[in-house]
PDB file of N, CA and C in Angstrom:
ATOM      1  N   MET A   1       0.819  -1.184   0.000  1.00  0.00           N
ATOM      2  CA  MET A   1       0.000   0.000   0.000  1.00  0.00           C
ATOM      3  C   MET A   1       0.870   1.258   0.000  1.00  0.00           C
ATOM      4  N   ARG A   2       1.976   1.207   0.725  1.00  0.00           N
ATOM      5  CA  ARG A   2       2.876   2.355   0.762  1.00  0.00           C
ATOM      6  C   ARG A   2       3.475   2.614  -0.619  1.00  0.00           C
ATOM      7  N   ARG A   3       3.814   1.535  -1.321  1.00  0.00           N
ATOM      8  CA  ARG A   3       4.414   1.687  -2.647  1.00  0.00           C
ATOM      9  C   ARG A   3       3.428   2.329  -3.612  1.00  0.00           C
ATOM     10  N   LEU A   4       2.182   1.958  -3.502  1.00  0.00           N
ATOM     11  CA  LEU A   4       1.164   2.523  -4.374  1.00  0.00           C
ATOM     12  C   LEU A   4       1.038   4.023  -4.147  1.00  0.00           C
ATOM     13  N   LYS A   5       1.028   4.450  -2.892  1.00  0.00           N
ATOM     14  CA  LYS A   5       0.948   5.883  -2.583  1.00  0.00           C
ATOM     15  C   LYS A   5       2.184   6.612  -3.090  1.00  0.00           C
ATOM     16  N   PHE A   6       3.355   5.984  -2.893  1.00  0.00           N
ATOM     17  CA  PHE A   6       4.604   6.619  -3.318  1.00  0.00           C
ATOM     18  C   PHE A   6       4.623   6.817  -4.838  1.00  0.00           C
ATOM     19  N   PHE A   7       4.291   5.759  -5.581  1.00  0.00           N
ATOM     20  CA  PHE A   7       4.318   5.856  -7.037  1.00  0.00           C
ATOM     21  C   PHE A   7       3.222   6.771  -7.572  1.00  0.00           C
ATOM     22  N   SER A   8       2.072   6.804  -6.921  1.00  0.00           N
ATOM     23  CA  SER A   8       1.016   7.706  -7.374  1.00  0.00           C
ATOM     24  C   SER A   8       1.406   9.153  -7.106  1.00  0.00           C
ATOM     25  N   MET A   9       2.046   9.433  -5.971  1.00  0.00           N
ATOM     26  CA  MET A   9       2.501  10.800  -5.684  1.00  0.00           C
ATOM     27  C   MET A   9       3.619  11.189  -6.654  1.00  0.00           C
ATOM     28  N   PHE A  10       4.508  10.244  -6.946  1.00  0.00           N
ATOM     29  CA  PHE A  10       5.589  10.505  -7.885  1.00  0.00           C
ATOM     30  C   PHE A  10       5.024  10.821  -9.275  1.00  0.00           C
ATOM     31  N   GLY A  11       4.015  10.091  -9.688  1.00  0.00           N
ATOM     32  CA  GLY A  11       3.376  10.333 -10.980  1.00  0.00           C
ATOM     33  C   GLY A  11       2.707  11.691 -11.048  1.00  0.00           C
ATOM     34  N   VAL A  12       2.018  12.069  -9.955  1.00  0.00           N
ATOM     35  CA  VAL A  12       1.354  13.373  -9.911  1.00  0.00           C
ATOM     36  C   VAL A  12       2.382  14.483  -9.993  1.00  0.00           C
ATOM     37  N   ILE A  13       3.483  14.347  -9.271  1.00  0.00           N
ATOM     38  CA  ILE A  13       4.526  15.381  -9.290  1.00  0.00           C
ATOM     39  C   ILE A  13       5.175  15.455 -10.676  1.00  0.00           C
ATOM     40  N   ALA A  14       5.433  14.308 -11.270  1.00  0.00           N
ATOM     41  CA  ALA A  14       6.058  14.289 -12.590  1.00  0.00           C
ATOM     42  C   ALA A  14       5.150  14.925 -13.638  1.00  0.00           C
ATOM     43  N   LEU A  15       3.864  14.638 -13.582  1.00  0.00           N
ATOM     44  CA  LEU A  15       2.939  15.221 -14.552  1.00  0.00           C
ATOM     45  C   LEU A  15       2.711  16.702 -14.316  1.00  0.00           C
ATOM     46  N   SER A  16       2.750  17.136 -13.076  1.00  0.00           N
ATOM     47  CA  SER A  16       2.524  18.556 -12.796  1.00  0.00           C
ATOM     48  C   SER A  16       3.719  19.403 -13.214  1.00  0.00           C
ATOM     49  N   SER A  17       4.876  18.787 -13.340  1.00  0.00           N
ATOM     50  CA  SER A  17       6.050  19.559 -13.749  1.00  0.00           C
ATOM     51  C   SER A  17       6.053  19.841 -15.249  1.00  0.00           C
ATOM     52  N   CYS A  18       5.234  19.132 -16.003  1.00  0.00           N
ATOM     53  CA  CYS A  18       5.133  19.379 -17.445  1.00  0.00           C
ATOM     54  C   CYS A  18       4.290  20.624 -17.654  1.00  0.00           C
ATOM     55  N   GLY A  19       4.880  21.653 -18.224  1.00  0.00           N
ATOM     56  CA  GLY A  19       4.148  22.895 -18.435  1.00  0.00           C
ATOM     57  C   GLY A  19       3.654  23.008 -19.854  1.00  0.00           C
ATOM     58  N   ASP A  20       2.605  23.764 -20.029  1.00  0.00           N
ATOM     59  CA  ASP A  20       2.052  23.995 -21.355  1.00  0.00           C
ATOM     60  C   ASP A  20       2.586  25.272 -21.987  1.00  0.00           C
ATOM     61  N   SER A  21       3.299  26.067 -21.236  1.00  0.00           N
ATOM     62  CA  SER A  21       3.741  27.352 -21.765  1.00  0.00           C
ATOM     63  C   SER A  21       4.967  27.162 -22.654  1.00  0.00           C
ATOM     64  N   LEU A  22       4.952  27.837 -23.788  1.00  0.00           N
ATOM     65  CA  LEU A  22       6.064  27.804 -24.721  1.00  0.00           C
ATOM     66  C   LEU A  22       6.952  29.013 -24.462  1.00  0.00           C
ATOM     67  N   PRO A  23       8.239  28.892 -24.687  1.00  0.00           N
ATOM     68  CA  PRO A  23       9.118  30.045 -24.476  1.00  0.00           C
ATOM     69  C   PRO A  23       8.814  31.136 -25.498  1.00  0.00           C
ATOM     70  N   ASP A  24       9.035  32.354 -25.102  1.00  0.00           N
ATOM     71  CA  ASP A  24       8.806  33.499 -25.972  1.00  0.00           C
ATOM     72  C   ASP A  24       9.856  33.484 -27.081  1.00  0.00           C
ATOM     73  N   ARG A  25       9.428  33.608 -28.325  1.00  0.00           N
ATOM     74  CA  ARG A  25      10.356  33.517 -29.454  1.00  0.00           C
ATOM     75  C   ARG A  25      11.317  34.702 -29.493  1.00  0.00           C
ATOM     76  N   SER A  26      10.964  35.808 -28.887  1.00  0.00           N
ATOM     77  CA  SER A  26      11.863  36.957 -28.915  1.00  0.00           C
ATOM     78  C   SER A  26      13.066  36.754 -28.008  1.00  0.00           C
ATOM     79  N   GLU A  27      12.993  35.793 -27.114  1.00  0.00           N
ATOM     80  CA  GLU A  27      14.083  35.572 -26.173  1.00  0.00           C
ATOM     81  C   GLU A  27      14.900  34.324 -26.488  1.00  0.00           C
ATOM     82  N   ASP A  28      14.670  33.674 -27.629  1.00  0.00           N
ATOM     83  CA  ASP A  28      15.375  32.425 -27.878  1.00  0.00           C
ATOM     84  C   ASP A  28      16.678  32.600 -28.649  1.00  0.00           C
ATOM     85  N   GLY A  29      17.047  33.811 -28.999  1.00  0.00           N
ATOM     86  CA  GLY A  29      18.343  34.054 -29.624  1.00  0.00           C
ATOM     87  C   GLY A  29      18.430  33.618 -31.070  1.00  0.00           C
ATOM     88  N   ARG A  30      17.335  33.664 -31.818  1.00  0.00           N
ATOM     89  CA  ARG A  30      17.353  33.249 -33.220  1.00  0.00           C
ATOM     90  C   ARG A  30      17.463  34.437 -34.168  1.00  0.00           C
ATOM     91  N   GLU A  31      17.991  35.488 -33.735  1.00  0.00           N
ATOM     92  CA  GLU A  31      18.089  36.659 -34.589  1.00  0.00           C
ATOM     93  C   GLU A  31      19.393  36.624 -35.371  1.00  0.00           C
ATOM     94  N   ALA A  32      19.358  37.164 -36.557  1.00  0.00           N
ATOM     95  CA  ALA A  32      20.558  37.205 -37.386  1.00  0.00           C
ATOM     96  C   ALA A  32      21.545  38.184 -36.780  1.00  0.00           C
ATOM     97  N   GLU A  33      22.771  37.752 -36.742  1.00  0.00           N
ATOM     98  CA  GLU A  33      23.808  38.605 -36.180  1.00  0.00           C
ATOM     99  C   GLU A  33      24.968  38.658 -37.155  1.00  0.00           C
ATOM    100  N   GLY A  34      25.775  39.642 -37.018  1.00  0.00           N
ATOM    101  CA  GLY A  34      26.959  39.758 -37.839  1.00  0.00           C
ATOM    102  C   GLY A  34      26.763  40.768 -38.943  1.00  0.00           C
ATOM    103  N   GLU A  35      27.837  40.970 -39.698  1.00  0.00           N
ATOM    104  CA  GLU A  35      27.818  41.965 -40.751  1.00  0.00           C
ATOM    105  C   GLU A  35      28.603  41.423 -41.936  1.00  0.00           C
ATOM    106  N   VAL A  36      28.071  41.596 -43.124  1.00  0.00           N
ATOM    107  CA  VAL A  36      28.776  41.199 -44.333  1.00  0.00           C
ATOM    108  C   VAL A  36      29.495  42.429 -44.855  1.00  0.00           C
ATOM    109  N   LEU A  37      30.799  42.333 -44.905  1.00  0.00           N
ATOM    110  CA  LEU A  37      31.598  43.459 -45.365  1.00  0.00           C
ATOM    111  C   LEU A  37      31.640  43.472 -46.882  1.00  0.00           C
ATOM    112  N   GLY A  38      31.682  44.649 -47.441  1.00  0.00           N
ATOM    113  CA  GLY A  38      31.748  44.778 -48.883  1.00  0.00           C
ATOM    114  C   GLY A  38      32.997  44.118 -49.441  1.00  0.00           C
ATOM    115  N   GLY A  39      32.841  43.317 -50.473  1.00  0.00           N
ATOM    116  CA  GLY A  39      33.974  42.643 -51.093  1.00  0.00           C
ATOM    117  C   GLY A  39      34.408  41.376 -50.390  1.00  0.00           C
ATOM    118  N   SER A  40      33.681  40.956 -49.357  1.00  0.00           N
ATOM    119  CA  SER A  40      34.088  39.749 -48.632  1.00  0.00           C
ATOM    120  C   SER A  40      33.451  38.489 -49.203  1.00  0.00           C
ATOM    121  N   ILE A  41      32.487  38.623 -50.105  1.00  0.00           N
ATOM    122  CA  ILE A  41      31.846  37.480 -50.747  1.00  0.00           C
ATOM    123  C   ILE A  41      32.185  37.535 -52.230  1.00  0.00           C
ATOM    124  N   SER A  42      32.664  36.417 -52.764  1.00  0.00           N
ATOM    125  CA  SER A  42      33.033  36.407 -54.178  1.00  0.00           C
ATOM    126  C   SER A  42      32.712  35.051 -54.792  1.00  0.00           C
ATOM    127  N   ASP A  43      32.859  34.965 -56.105  1.00  0.00           N
ATOM    128  CA  ASP A  43      32.626  33.712 -56.815  1.00  0.00           C
ATOM    129  C   ASP A  43      33.716  32.685 -56.530  1.00  0.00           C
ATOM    130  N   ASP A  44      34.837  33.122 -55.975  1.00  0.00           N
ATOM    131  CA  ASP A  44      35.906  32.185 -55.635  1.00  0.00           C
ATOM    132  C   ASP A  44      35.476  31.201 -54.559  1.00  0.00           C
ATOM    133  N   MET A  45      34.412  31.504 -53.833  1.00  0.00           N
ATOM    134  CA  MET A  45      33.919  30.623 -52.775  1.00  0.00           C
ATOM    135  C   MET A  45      33.114  29.455 -53.331  1.00  0.00           C
ATOM    136  N   LEU A  46      32.690  29.526 -54.590  1.00  0.00           N
ATOM    137  CA  LEU A  46      31.879  28.472 -55.192  1.00  0.00           C
ATOM    138  C   LEU A  46      32.771  27.362 -55.734  1.00  0.00           C
ATOM    139  N   PRO A  47      32.424  26.111 -55.491  1.00  0.00           N
ATOM    140  CA  PRO A  47      33.217  24.996 -56.021  1.00  0.00           C
ATOM    141  C   PRO A  47      32.853  24.723 -57.483  1.00  0.00           C
ATOM    142  N   LEU A  48      33.317  25.570 -58.382  1.00  0.00           N
ATOM    143  CA  LEU A  48      32.924  25.475 -59.786  1.00  0.00           C
ATOM    144  C   LEU A  48      33.402  24.189 -60.446  1.00  0.00           C
ATOM    145  N   ASP A  49      34.481  23.600 -59.947  1.00  0.00           N
ATOM    146  CA  ASP A  49      34.955  22.356 -60.535  1.00  0.00           C
ATOM    147  C   ASP A  49      34.046  21.181 -60.190  1.00  0.00           C
ATOM    148  N   GLN A  50      33.196  21.330 -59.175  1.00  0.00           N
ATOM    149  CA  GLN A  50      32.286  20.265 -58.764  1.00  0.00           C
ATOM    150  C   GLN A  50      30.857  20.490 -59.253  1.00  0.00           C
ATOM    151  N   LEU A  51      30.553  21.670 -59.757  1.00  0.00           N
ATOM    152  CA  LEU A  51      29.188  22.005 -60.166  1.00  0.00           C
ATOM    153  C   LEU A  51      29.081  22.032 -61.684  1.00  0.00           C
ATOM    154  N   ARG A  52      27.916  21.646 -62.164  1.00  0.00           N
ATOM    155  CA  ARG A  52      27.617  21.761 -63.590  1.00  0.00           C
ATOM    156  C   ARG A  52      26.152  22.150 -63.720  1.00  0.00           C
ATOM    157  N   SER A  53      25.921  23.347 -64.151  1.00  0.00           N
ATOM    158  CA  SER A  53      24.539  23.794 -64.304  1.00  0.00           C
ATOM    159  C   SER A  53      24.185  23.812 -65.788  1.00  0.00           C
ATOM    160  N   GLN A  54      22.918  23.638 -66.049  1.00  0.00           N
ATOM    161  CA  GLN A  54      22.443  23.586 -67.423  1.00  0.00           C
ATOM    162  C   GLN A  54      21.078  24.242 -67.471  1.00  0.00           C
ATOM    163  N   SER A  55      20.908  25.110 -68.427  1.00  0.00           N
ATOM    164  CA  SER A  55      19.618  25.769 -68.562  1.00  0.00           C
ATOM    165  C   SER A  55      18.593  24.781 -69.097  1.00  0.00           C
ATOM    166  N   PRO A  56      17.327  25.011 -68.791  1.00  0.00           N
ATOM    167  CA  PRO A  56      16.294  24.096 -69.294  1.00  0.00           C
ATOM    168  C   PRO A  56      16.161  24.211 -70.811  1.00  0.00           C
ATOM    169  N   VAL A  57      15.710  23.148 -71.399  1.00  0.00           N
ATOM    170  CA  VAL A  57      15.543  23.091 -72.846  1.00  0.00           C
ATOM    171  C   VAL A  57      14.353  23.954 -73.253  1.00  0.00           C
ATOM    172  N   ILE A  58      14.526  24.690 -74.323  1.00  0.00           N
ATOM    173  CA  ILE A  58      13.437  25.510 -74.854  1.00  0.00           C
ATOM    174  C   ILE A  58      12.798  24.733 -75.995  1.00  0.00           C
ATOM    175  N   ARG A  59      11.508  24.492 -75.876  1.00  0.00           N
ATOM    176  CA  ARG A  59      10.782  23.760 -76.921  1.00  0.00           C
ATOM    177  C   ARG A  59       9.753  24.688 -77.545  1.00  0.00           C
ATOM    178  N   GLU A  60       9.903  24.868 -78.840  1.00  0.00           N
ATOM    179  CA  GLU A  60       8.920  25.651 -79.577  1.00  0.00           C
ATOM    180  C   GLU A  60       8.051  24.666 -80.346  1.00  0.00           C
ATOM    181  N   GLN A  61       6.753  24.832 -80.235  1.00  0.00           N
ATOM    182  CA  GLN A  61       5.838  23.876 -80.853  1.00  0.00           C
ATOM    183  C   GLN A  61       4.818  24.635 -81.693  1.00  0.00           C
ATOM    184  N   SER A  62       4.594  24.137 -82.887  1.00  0.00           N
ATOM    185  CA  SER A  62       3.542  24.708 -83.727  1.00  0.00           C
ATOM    186  C   SER A  62       2.641  23.572 -84.195  1.00  0.00           C
ATOM    187  N   VAL A  63       1.360  23.826 -84.191  1.00  0.00           N
ATOM    188  CA  VAL A  63       0.367  22.826 -84.577  1.00  0.00           C
ATOM    189  C   VAL A  63      -0.433  23.378 -85.754  1.00  0.00           C
ATOM    190  N   THR A  64      -0.548  22.559 -86.797  1.00  0.00           N
ATOM    191  CA  THR A  64      -1.328  22.936 -87.968  1.00  0.00           C
ATOM    192  C   THR A  64      -2.463  21.932 -88.120  1.00  0.00           C
ATOM    193  N   VAL A  65      -3.685  22.427 -88.127  1.00  0.00           N
ATOM    194  CA  VAL A  65      -4.860  21.573 -88.291  1.00  0.00           C
ATOM    195  C   VAL A  65      -5.492  21.924 -89.637  1.00  0.00           C
ATOM    196  N   SER A  66      -5.693  20.896 -90.453  1.00  0.00           N
ATOM    197  CA  SER A  66      -6.323  21.141 -91.752  1.00  0.00           C
ATOM    198  C   SER A  66      -7.406  20.099 -91.984  1.00  0.00           C
ATOM    199  N   GLU A  67      -8.436  20.533 -92.693  1.00  0.00           N
ATOM    200  CA  GLU A  67      -9.550  19.629 -92.998  1.00  0.00           C
ATOM    201  C   GLU A  67      -9.450  19.226 -94.464  1.00  0.00           C
ATOM    202  N   ASN A  68      -9.485  17.928 -94.701  1.00  0.00           N
ATOM    203  CA  ASN A  68      -9.368  17.403 -96.063  1.00  0.00           C
ATOM    204  C   ASN A  68     -10.715  17.485 -96.783  1.00  0.00           C
ATOM    205  N   ASP A  69     -10.671  17.211 -98.102  1.00  0.00           N
ATOM    206  CA  ASP A  69     -11.887  17.263 -98.920  1.00  0.00           C
ATOM    207  C   ASP A  69     -12.912  16.220 -98.500  1.00  0.00           C
ATOM    208  N   ASP A  70     -12.442  15.078 -97.978  1.00  0.00           N
ATOM    209  CA  ASP A  70     -13.377  14.016 -97.599  1.00  0.00           C
ATOM    210  C   ASP A  70     -13.936  14.209 -96.188  1.00  0.00           C
ATOM    211  N   GLY A  71     -13.638  15.317 -95.545  1.00  0.00           N
ATOM    212  CA  GLY A  71     -14.187  15.608 -94.222  1.00  0.00           C
ATOM    213  C   GLY A  71     -13.293  15.188 -93.068  1.00  0.00           C
ATOM    214  N   SER A  72     -12.183  14.503 -93.356  1.00  0.00           N
ATOM    215  CA  SER A  72     -11.280  14.099 -92.273  1.00  0.00           C
ATOM    216  C   SER A  72     -10.362  15.267 -91.897  1.00  0.00           C
ATOM    217  N   THR A  73      -9.819  15.196 -90.715  1.00  0.00           N
ATOM    218  CA  THR A  73      -8.962  16.259 -90.200  1.00  0.00           C
ATOM    219  C   THR A  73      -7.535  15.746 -90.071  1.00  0.00           C
ATOM    220  N   THR A  74      -6.570  16.562 -90.489  1.00  0.00           N
ATOM    221  CA  THR A  74      -5.156  16.222 -90.377  1.00  0.00           C
ATOM    222  C   THR A  74      -4.502  17.194 -89.399  1.00  0.00           C
ATOM    223  N   VAL A  75      -3.752  16.633 -88.450  1.00  0.00           N
ATOM    224  CA  VAL A  75      -3.037  17.455 -87.471  1.00  0.00           C
ATOM    225  C   VAL A  75      -1.550  17.252 -87.692  1.00  0.00           C
ATOM    226  N   GLU A  76      -0.816  18.355 -87.876  1.00  0.00           N
ATOM    227  CA  GLU A  76       0.627  18.284 -88.073  1.00  0.00           C
ATOM    228  C   GLU A  76       1.297  19.091 -86.967  1.00  0.00           C
ATOM    229  N   THR A  77       2.217  18.447 -86.264  1.00  0.00           N
ATOM    230  CA  THR A  77       2.906  19.098 -85.154  1.00  0.00           C
ATOM    231  C   THR A  77       4.385  19.210 -85.471  1.00  0.00           C
ATOM    232  N   THR A  78       4.946  20.410 -85.284  1.00  0.00           N
ATOM    233  CA  THR A  78       6.366  20.634 -85.484  1.00  0.00           C
ATOM    234  C   THR A  78       6.949  21.110 -84.160  1.00  0.00           C
ATOM    235  N   VAL A  79       7.990  20.411 -83.693  1.00  0.00           N
ATOM    236  CA  VAL A  79       8.634  20.768 -82.431  1.00  0.00           C
ATOM    237  C   VAL A  79      10.088  21.088 -82.715  1.00  0.00           C
ATOM    238  N   THR A  80      10.547  22.259 -82.255  1.00  0.00           N
ATOM    239  CA  THR A  80      11.936  22.655 -82.394  1.00  0.00           C
ATOM    240  C   THR A  80      12.540  22.730 -81.003  1.00  0.00           C
ATOM    241  N   VAL A  81      13.612  21.962 -80.778  1.00  0.00           N
ATOM    242  CA  VAL A  81      14.290  21.958 -79.487  1.00  0.00           C
ATOM    243  C   VAL A  81      15.545  22.793 -79.624  1.00  0.00           C
ATOM    244  N   THR A  82      15.673  23.816 -78.769  1.00  0.00           N
ATOM    245  CA  THR A  82      16.807  24.708 -78.820  1.00  0.00           C
ATOM    246  C   THR A  82      17.457  24.766 -77.446  1.00  0.00           C
ATOM    247  N   SER A  83      18.744  24.512 -77.394  1.00  0.00           N
ATOM    248  CA  SER A  83      19.488  24.617 -76.144  1.00  0.00           C
ATOM    249  C   SER A  83      20.961  24.530 -76.472  1.00  0.00           C
ATOM    250  N   GLY A  84      21.770  24.864 -75.504  1.00  0.00           N
ATOM    251  CA  GLY A  84      23.210  24.732 -75.668  1.00  0.00           C
ATOM    252  C   GLY A  84      23.599  23.281 -75.569  1.00  0.00           C
ATOM    253  N   ASP A  85      24.174  22.896 -74.482  1.00  0.00           N
ATOM    254  CA  ASP A  85      24.604  21.512 -74.265  1.00  0.00           C
ATOM    255  C   ASP A  85      23.420  20.655 -73.873  1.00  0.00           C
ATOM    256  N   GLY A  86      23.404  19.442 -74.344  1.00  0.00           N
ATOM    257  CA  GLY A  86      22.431  18.465 -73.882  1.00  0.00           C
ATOM    258  C   GLY A  86      21.106  18.465 -74.601  1.00  0.00           C
ATOM    259  N   ALA A  87      20.923  19.279 -75.637  1.00  0.00           N
ATOM    260  CA  ALA A  87      19.636  19.295 -76.326  1.00  0.00           C
ATOM    261  C   ALA A  87      19.387  17.978 -77.036  1.00  0.00           C
ATOM    262  N   GLU A  88      20.465  17.344 -77.491  1.00  0.00           N
ATOM    263  CA  GLU A  88      20.285  16.080 -78.196  1.00  0.00           C
ATOM    264  C   GLU A  88      19.982  14.936 -77.241  1.00  0.00           C
ATOM    265  N   ASN A  89      20.178  15.131 -75.947  1.00  0.00           N
ATOM    266  CA  ASN A  89      19.918  14.080 -74.963  1.00  0.00           C
ATOM    267  C   ASN A  89      18.499  14.119 -74.415  1.00  0.00           C
ATOM    268  N   GLN A  90      17.690  15.037 -74.876  1.00  0.00           N
ATOM    269  CA  GLN A  90      16.336  15.183 -74.353  1.00  0.00           C
ATOM    270  C   GLN A  90      15.414  14.147 -74.986  1.00  0.00           C
ATOM    271  N   PRO A  91      14.412  13.691 -74.246  1.00  0.00           N
ATOM    272  CA  PRO A  91      13.473  12.725 -74.822  1.00  0.00           C
ATOM    273  C   PRO A  91      12.635  13.364 -75.922  1.00  0.00           C
ATOM    274  N   ALA A  92      12.173  12.535 -76.823  1.00  0.00           N
ATOM    275  CA  ALA A  92      11.341  13.018 -77.925  1.00  0.00           C
ATOM    276  C   ALA A  92      10.008  13.510 -77.377  1.00  0.00           C
ATOM    277  N   PRO A  93       9.441  14.554 -77.970  1.00  0.00           N
ATOM    278  CA  PRO A  93       8.151  15.053 -77.500  1.00  0.00           C
ATOM    279  C   PRO A  93       7.051  14.043 -77.796  1.00  0.00           C
ATOM    280  N   PRO A  94       5.977  14.064 -77.039  1.00  0.00           N
ATOM    281  CA  PRO A  94       4.887  13.120 -77.277  1.00  0.00           C
ATOM    282  C   PRO A  94       4.193  13.414 -78.597  1.00  0.00           C
ATOM    283  N   GLN A  95       3.744  12.366 -79.246  1.00  0.00           N
ATOM    284  CA  GLN A  95       3.044  12.496 -80.520  1.00  0.00           C
ATOM    285  C   GLN A  95       1.582  12.849 -80.264  1.00  0.00           C
ATOM    286  N   PRO A  96       0.974  13.628 -81.149  1.00  0.00           N
ATOM    287  CA  PRO A  96      -0.441  13.956 -80.966  1.00  0.00           C
ATOM    288  C   PRO A  96      -1.292  12.703 -81.146  1.00  0.00           C
ATOM    289  N   PRO A  97      -2.442  12.652 -80.517  1.00  0.00           N
ATOM    290  CA  PRO A  97      -3.303  11.471 -80.649  1.00  0.00           C
ATOM    291  C   PRO A  97      -3.824  11.343 -82.078  1.00  0.00           C
ATOM    292  N   ALA A  98      -4.004  10.113 -82.489  1.00  0.00           N
ATOM    293  CA  ALA A  98      -4.510   9.850 -83.838  1.00  0.00           C
ATOM    294  C   ALA A  98      -5.969  10.271 -83.922  1.00  0.00           C
ATOM    295  N   THR A  99      -6.333  10.841 -85.055  1.00  0.00           N
ATOM    296  CA  THR A  99      -7.720  11.262 -85.235  1.00  0.00           C
ATOM    297  C   THR A  99      -8.556  10.060 -85.639  1.00  0.00           C
ATOM    298  N   PRO A 100      -9.728   9.918 -85.084  1.00  0.00           N
ATOM    299  CA  PRO A 100     -10.581   8.779 -85.447  1.00  0.00           C
ATOM    300  C   PRO A 100     -11.124   8.952 -86.863  1.00  0.00           C
ATOM    301  N   GLU A 101     -11.141   7.867 -87.577  1.00  0.00           N
ATOM    302  CA  GLU A 101     -11.667   7.903 -88.944  1.00  0.00           C
ATOM    303  C   GLU A 101     -13.119   7.456 -88.936  1.00  0.00           C
ATOM    304  N   GLY A 102     -13.892   8.070 -89.747  1.00  0.00           N
ATOM    305  CA  GLY A 102     -15.240   7.555 -89.797  1.00  0.00           C
ATOM    306  C   GLY A 102     -16.218   8.543 -90.091  1.00  0.00           C
TER     307      GLY A 102
END
């Protein structure tokens, strides 16, 4: 019986020590400090030998829709891929869906 009282009192004390209040954000020291001096930041800090950037591929697309004499429709799509390096490594553009005949 004594152990039960001891552990129940210990539990009550442990739970009462848990507070719901959060610390004030203005006092937590998360403010930016320091000063950037002019000329102290340069491109020499970038590891250019380890980086390789590439601009996105520019795709120009033109669609021509024409109606034939028999009432069917023809769709012609022209895609021009323009880029510096890597334009030839890009996947082919999707083909337009086939027009139903009938």
